[in-house]
Amino acid sequence: MGIKMTEQELRAVFGGNLKRYRNYRKLSQAKLAENLGISIPFLSDIENGRKWVSPATLVKFSDFLGIEPHELFKPTRISAAMENNLEKWGTDVIQAVTQTVSDIQKHYVIEPENR
């Protein structure tokens, strides 16, 4: 079972990946938009998660960038909600480990023999 994503988070992942691949190929928004036959504002809206693409446009993006379409949907970072949960869980784990070590020291540490 994977991490659930909202539509807005999916759009943000897609747009961020599109921008990353575009920059990797050293393409400006104008150049990519021109080659795909879309407007620069539309491309900007896609990269910023405000607009969505049709399947035909998705195929154009992936073909022009030389990648598989699914590469544009792979999250490169976790969502803010998941980040908050991990931070909370990390704090909880640290507290539990600290308490366990303290309990072990109180109850199980044997004093060294007098020499």
N, C-alpha and C. Protein backbone atom coordinates (compact mmCIF):
# COMPACT_ATOMS: atom_id res chain seq x y z
N MET A 1 0.85 -1.18 0.00
CA MET A 1 0.00 0.00 0.00
C MET A 1 0.89 1.24 0.00
N GLY A 2 0.69 2.14 -0.94
CA GLY A 2 1.50 3.34 -1.05
C GLY A 2 0.93 4.50 -0.26
N ILE A 3 1.60 5.60 -0.35
CA ILE A 3 1.15 6.81 0.32
C ILE A 3 0.05 7.44 -0.51
N LYS A 4 -1.07 7.80 0.13
CA LYS A 4 -2.17 8.44 -0.59
C LYS A 4 -1.81 9.88 -0.88
N MET A 5 -2.23 10.33 -2.06
CA MET A 5 -1.92 11.67 -2.50
C MET A 5 -3.21 12.37 -2.92
N THR A 6 -3.33 13.64 -2.62
CA THR A 6 -4.46 14.41 -3.11
C THR A 6 -4.21 14.78 -4.57
N GLU A 7 -5.25 15.22 -5.25
CA GLU A 7 -5.08 15.66 -6.65
C GLU A 7 -4.09 16.82 -6.71
N GLN A 8 -4.19 17.74 -5.78
CA GLN A 8 -3.28 18.90 -5.78
C GLN A 8 -1.84 18.45 -5.58
N GLU A 9 -1.62 17.47 -4.70
CA GLU A 9 -0.26 16.95 -4.49
C GLU A 9 0.25 16.25 -5.75
N LEU A 10 -0.63 15.51 -6.43
CA LEU A 10 -0.24 14.84 -7.68
C LEU A 10 0.12 15.86 -8.75
N ARG A 11 -0.66 16.92 -8.84
CA ARG A 11 -0.35 17.99 -9.81
C ARG A 11 1.01 18.63 -9.48
N ALA A 12 1.26 18.83 -8.20
CA ALA A 12 2.53 19.43 -7.78
C ALA A 12 3.70 18.51 -8.12
N VAL A 13 3.54 17.21 -7.90
CA VAL A 13 4.60 16.25 -8.23
C VAL A 13 4.84 16.27 -9.74
N PHE A 14 3.77 16.19 -10.50
CA PHE A 14 3.89 16.20 -11.96
C PHE A 14 4.58 17.48 -12.44
N GLY A 15 4.08 18.62 -11.97
CA GLY A 15 4.66 19.90 -12.40
C GLY A 15 6.11 20.06 -12.00
N GLY A 16 6.44 19.64 -10.78
CA GLY A 16 7.83 19.72 -10.32
C GLY A 16 8.75 18.83 -11.14
N ASN A 17 8.28 17.62 -11.46
CA ASN A 17 9.10 16.72 -12.28
C ASN A 17 9.25 17.25 -13.69
N LEU A 18 8.18 17.81 -14.24
CA LEU A 18 8.25 18.39 -15.58
C LEU A 18 9.30 19.50 -15.62
N LYS A 19 9.27 20.36 -14.64
CA LYS A 19 10.23 21.46 -14.57
C LYS A 19 11.66 20.93 -14.39
N ARG A 20 11.81 19.91 -13.55
CA ARG A 20 13.14 19.33 -13.32
C ARG A 20 13.70 18.74 -14.60
N TYR A 21 12.89 17.96 -15.31
CA TYR A 21 13.36 17.39 -16.58
C TYR A 21 13.61 18.46 -17.62
N ARG A 22 12.77 19.49 -17.67
CA ARG A 22 12.98 20.59 -18.62
C ARG A 22 14.29 21.28 -18.33
N ASN A 23 14.55 21.57 -17.06
CA ASN A 23 15.81 22.22 -16.69
C ASN A 23 17.01 21.32 -16.96
N TYR A 24 16.86 20.03 -16.72
CA TYR A 24 17.95 19.08 -16.98
C TYR A 24 18.32 19.10 -18.47
N ARG A 25 17.31 19.25 -19.32
CA ARG A 25 17.55 19.30 -20.77
C ARG A 25 17.94 20.70 -21.23
N LYS A 26 18.06 21.62 -20.25
CA LYS A 26 18.45 23.01 -20.52
C LYS A 26 17.49 23.69 -21.51
N LEU A 27 16.19 23.47 -21.26
CA LEU A 27 15.15 24.06 -22.09
C LEU A 27 14.45 25.17 -21.32
N SER A 28 14.20 26.27 -21.96
CA SER A 28 13.39 27.32 -21.35
C SER A 28 11.92 26.91 -21.49
N GLN A 29 11.07 27.58 -20.71
CA GLN A 29 9.64 27.33 -20.87
C GLN A 29 9.21 27.68 -22.29
N ALA A 30 9.75 28.76 -22.82
CA ALA A 30 9.37 29.20 -24.17
C ALA A 30 9.73 28.14 -25.21
N LYS A 31 10.92 27.57 -25.09
CA LYS A 31 11.38 26.57 -26.07
C LYS A 31 10.53 25.30 -25.98
N LEU A 32 10.26 24.83 -24.76
CA LEU A 32 9.45 23.62 -24.60
C LEU A 32 8.03 23.87 -25.09
N ALA A 33 7.45 24.99 -24.71
CA ALA A 33 6.08 25.32 -25.14
C ALA A 33 6.00 25.40 -26.66
N GLU A 34 6.97 26.03 -27.28
CA GLU A 34 7.00 26.16 -28.74
C GLU A 34 7.05 24.78 -29.40
N ASN A 35 7.92 23.91 -28.90
CA ASN A 35 8.07 22.58 -29.48
C ASN A 35 6.84 21.69 -29.30
N LEU A 36 6.07 21.95 -28.27
CA LEU A 36 4.89 21.14 -28.01
C LEU A 36 3.60 21.77 -28.51
N GLY A 37 3.70 23.01 -28.97
CA GLY A 37 2.52 23.69 -29.48
C GLY A 37 1.54 24.11 -28.39
N ILE A 38 2.09 24.50 -27.23
CA ILE A 38 1.25 25.01 -26.15
C ILE A 38 1.76 26.39 -25.76
N SER A 39 0.96 27.13 -25.02
CA SER A 39 1.37 28.48 -24.63
C SER A 39 2.29 28.43 -23.41
N ILE A 40 3.11 29.46 -23.27
CA ILE A 40 4.01 29.57 -22.12
C ILE A 40 3.20 29.67 -20.82
N PRO A 41 2.13 30.49 -20.76
CA PRO A 41 1.36 30.54 -19.52
C PRO A 41 0.74 29.18 -19.14
N PHE A 42 0.30 28.42 -20.14
CA PHE A 42 -0.25 27.09 -19.86
C PHE A 42 0.83 26.19 -19.28
N LEU A 43 2.02 26.21 -19.87
CA LEU A 43 3.14 25.41 -19.35
C LEU A 43 3.48 25.83 -17.93
N SER A 44 3.51 27.13 -17.68
CA SER A 44 3.80 27.63 -16.34
C SER A 44 2.75 27.14 -15.34
N ASP A 45 1.48 27.19 -15.74
CA ASP A 45 0.40 26.70 -14.87
C ASP A 45 0.55 25.21 -14.58
N ILE A 46 0.97 24.43 -15.57
CA ILE A 46 1.19 22.99 -15.37
C ILE A 46 2.32 22.79 -14.38
N GLU A 47 3.45 23.47 -14.59
CA GLU A 47 4.61 23.31 -13.71
C GLU A 47 4.32 23.75 -12.28
N ASN A 48 3.37 24.67 -12.11
CA ASN A 48 3.03 25.15 -10.78
C ASN A 48 1.80 24.46 -10.18
N GLY A 49 1.34 23.39 -10.84
CA GLY A 49 0.26 22.60 -10.31
C GLY A 49 -1.12 23.20 -10.42
N ARG A 50 -1.27 24.25 -11.22
CA ARG A 50 -2.57 24.90 -11.35
C ARG A 50 -3.42 24.30 -12.47
N LYS A 51 -2.77 23.69 -13.47
CA LYS A 51 -3.50 23.10 -14.60
C LYS A 51 -3.07 21.66 -14.77
N TRP A 52 -3.90 20.91 -15.46
CA TRP A 52 -3.66 19.51 -15.71
C TRP A 52 -3.46 19.32 -17.20
N VAL A 53 -2.96 18.16 -17.60
CA VAL A 53 -2.71 17.90 -19.02
C VAL A 53 -3.59 16.76 -19.51
N SER A 54 -3.83 16.77 -20.80
CA SER A 54 -4.55 15.66 -21.43
C SER A 54 -3.56 14.51 -21.64
N PRO A 55 -4.06 13.31 -21.85
CA PRO A 55 -3.16 12.19 -22.14
C PRO A 55 -2.28 12.47 -23.36
N ALA A 56 -2.83 13.13 -24.37
CA ALA A 56 -2.05 13.44 -25.58
C ALA A 56 -0.89 14.38 -25.25
N THR A 57 -1.14 15.37 -24.41
CA THR A 57 -0.07 16.30 -24.02
C THR A 57 0.95 15.60 -23.15
N LEU A 58 0.51 14.71 -22.28
CA LEU A 58 1.42 13.92 -21.46
C LEU A 58 2.39 13.14 -22.35
N VAL A 59 1.88 12.51 -23.38
CA VAL A 59 2.73 11.75 -24.31
C VAL A 59 3.69 12.69 -25.03
N LYS A 60 3.23 13.87 -25.42
CA LYS A 60 4.13 14.85 -26.07
C LYS A 60 5.28 15.22 -25.14
N PHE A 61 4.95 15.52 -23.88
CA PHE A 61 5.99 15.86 -22.90
C PHE A 61 7.02 14.75 -22.79
N SER A 62 6.54 13.55 -22.56
CA SER A 62 7.47 12.44 -22.33
C SER A 62 8.28 12.13 -23.58
N ASP A 63 7.66 12.17 -24.76
CA ASP A 63 8.41 11.92 -26.01
C ASP A 63 9.49 12.98 -26.21
N PHE A 64 9.12 14.25 -26.04
CA PHE A 64 10.08 15.32 -26.28
C PHE A 64 11.22 15.31 -25.27
N LEU A 65 10.91 14.97 -24.02
CA LEU A 65 11.94 14.94 -22.98
C LEU A 65 12.72 13.63 -22.95
N GLY A 66 12.26 12.64 -23.72
CA GLY A 66 12.96 11.36 -23.80
C GLY A 66 12.83 10.51 -22.54
N ILE A 67 11.65 10.55 -21.94
CA ILE A 67 11.39 9.78 -20.72
C ILE A 67 10.09 9.01 -20.87
N GLU A 68 9.88 8.05 -19.98
CA GLU A 68 8.61 7.34 -19.93
C GLU A 68 7.58 8.23 -19.22
N PRO A 69 6.32 8.22 -19.65
CA PRO A 69 5.31 9.07 -19.00
C PRO A 69 5.24 8.92 -17.48
N HIS A 70 5.39 7.69 -16.98
CA HIS A 70 5.26 7.50 -15.53
C HIS A 70 6.35 8.22 -14.74
N GLU A 71 7.47 8.55 -15.38
CA GLU A 71 8.54 9.27 -14.68
C GLU A 71 8.07 10.63 -14.18
N LEU A 72 7.09 11.20 -14.84
CA LEU A 72 6.58 12.51 -14.44
C LEU A 72 5.68 12.44 -13.20
N PHE A 73 5.31 11.24 -12.79
CA PHE A 73 4.42 11.08 -11.64
C PHE A 73 5.12 10.57 -10.39
N LYS A 74 6.42 10.33 -10.46
CA LYS A 74 7.16 9.81 -9.31
C LYS A 74 7.48 10.93 -8.32
N PRO A 75 7.03 10.80 -7.08
CA PRO A 75 7.37 11.83 -6.09
C PRO A 75 8.88 11.84 -5.83
N THR A 76 9.45 13.02 -5.76
CA THR A 76 10.87 13.15 -5.45
C THR A 76 11.07 13.51 -3.98
N ARG A 77 9.99 13.87 -3.32
CA ARG A 77 10.04 14.17 -1.89
C ARG A 77 8.69 13.83 -1.29
N ILE A 78 8.65 13.74 0.00
CA ILE A 78 7.40 13.40 0.67
C ILE A 78 6.54 14.65 0.85
N SER A 79 5.27 14.43 1.03
CA SER A 79 4.35 15.55 1.22
C SER A 79 4.59 16.21 2.58
N ALA A 80 4.09 17.42 2.72
CA ALA A 80 4.24 18.15 3.99
C ALA A 80 3.55 17.39 5.12
N ALA A 81 2.40 16.79 4.85
CA ALA A 81 1.68 16.05 5.88
C ALA A 81 2.50 14.84 6.34
N MET A 82 3.07 14.12 5.38
CA MET A 82 3.89 12.96 5.73
C MET A 82 5.15 13.42 6.47
N GLU A 83 5.72 14.54 6.06
CA GLU A 83 6.90 15.08 6.73
C GLU A 83 6.59 15.40 8.19
N ASN A 84 5.41 15.99 8.43
CA ASN A 84 5.00 16.30 9.81
C ASN A 84 4.83 15.03 10.63
N ASN A 85 4.22 14.00 10.02
CA ASN A 85 4.04 12.73 10.72
C ASN A 85 5.39 12.10 11.06
N LEU A 86 6.31 12.10 10.12
CA LEU A 86 7.62 11.51 10.37
C LEU A 86 8.36 12.27 11.46
N GLU A 87 8.22 13.59 11.48
CA GLU A 87 8.86 14.38 12.52
C GLU A 87 8.29 14.03 13.89
N LYS A 88 6.97 13.89 13.96
CA LYS A 88 6.32 13.52 15.22
C LYS A 88 6.75 12.12 15.64
N TRP A 89 6.73 11.17 14.69
CA TRP A 89 7.12 9.80 15.00
C TRP A 89 8.57 9.75 15.44
N GLY A 90 9.43 10.55 14.81
CA GLY A 90 10.83 10.59 15.19
C GLY A 90 10.99 11.05 16.63
N THR A 91 10.25 12.08 17.01
CA THR A 91 10.28 12.57 18.38
C THR A 91 9.79 11.50 19.34
N ASP A 92 8.69 10.83 18.97
CA ASP A 92 8.15 9.75 19.82
C ASP A 92 9.16 8.63 19.98
N VAL A 93 9.84 8.25 18.92
CA VAL A 93 10.83 7.18 18.97
C VAL A 93 12.00 7.57 19.88
N ILE A 94 12.47 8.80 19.73
CA ILE A 94 13.58 9.28 20.57
C ILE A 94 13.19 9.24 22.05
N GLN A 95 11.98 9.68 22.36
CA GLN A 95 11.51 9.65 23.74
C GLN A 95 11.42 8.21 24.26
N ALA A 96 10.90 7.30 23.44
CA ALA A 96 10.77 5.91 23.86
C ALA A 96 12.14 5.27 24.08
N VAL A 97 13.09 5.52 23.20
CA VAL A 97 14.44 4.96 23.35
C VAL A 97 15.11 5.53 24.59
N THR A 98 14.98 6.83 24.80
CA THR A 98 15.57 7.47 25.98
C THR A 98 14.99 6.86 27.25
N GLN A 99 13.68 6.66 27.30
CA GLN A 99 13.03 6.06 28.47
C GLN A 99 13.50 4.62 28.68
N THR A 100 13.63 3.87 27.60
CA THR A 100 14.08 2.47 27.69
C THR A 100 15.50 2.40 28.23
N VAL A 101 16.39 3.24 27.72
CA VAL A 101 17.77 3.25 28.21
C VAL A 101 17.80 3.63 29.68
N SER A 102 17.01 4.60 30.06
CA SER A 102 16.94 5.01 31.47
C SER A 102 16.45 3.86 32.34
N ASP A 103 15.42 3.16 31.89
CA ASP A 103 14.89 2.01 32.65
C ASP A 103 15.94 0.91 32.78
N ILE A 104 16.67 0.65 31.72
CA ILE A 104 17.72 -0.37 31.76
C ILE A 104 18.79 0.02 32.76
N GLN A 105 19.19 1.28 32.75
CA GLN A 105 20.21 1.73 33.69
C GLN A 105 19.74 1.62 35.12
N LYS A 106 18.49 1.94 35.39
CA LYS A 106 17.95 1.89 36.75
C LYS A 106 17.82 0.46 37.27
N HIS A 107 17.40 -0.44 36.39
CA HIS A 107 17.03 -1.77 36.85
C HIS A 107 18.02 -2.88 36.53
N TYR A 108 18.89 -2.67 35.57
CA TYR A 108 19.71 -3.79 35.14
C TYR A 108 21.21 -3.55 35.15
N VAL A 109 21.65 -2.33 35.34
CA VAL A 109 23.08 -2.06 35.35
C VAL A 109 23.66 -2.55 36.67
N ILE A 110 24.67 -3.35 36.59
CA ILE A 110 25.31 -3.91 37.78
C ILE A 110 26.47 -3.03 38.14
N GLU A 111 26.52 -2.69 39.40
CA GLU A 111 27.61 -1.85 39.89
C GLU A 111 28.92 -2.63 39.78
N PRO A 112 30.01 -1.97 39.43
CA PRO A 112 31.30 -2.68 39.37
C PRO A 112 31.70 -3.13 40.78
N GLU A 113 32.39 -4.24 40.84
CA GLU A 113 32.85 -4.76 42.13
C GLU A 113 33.90 -3.84 42.71
N ASN A 114 33.92 -3.78 44.01
CA ASN A 114 34.97 -3.00 44.67
C ASN A 114 36.30 -3.70 44.50
N ARG A 115 37.28 -2.98 44.09
CA ARG A 115 38.60 -3.58 43.89
C ARG A 115 39.58 -3.06 44.86
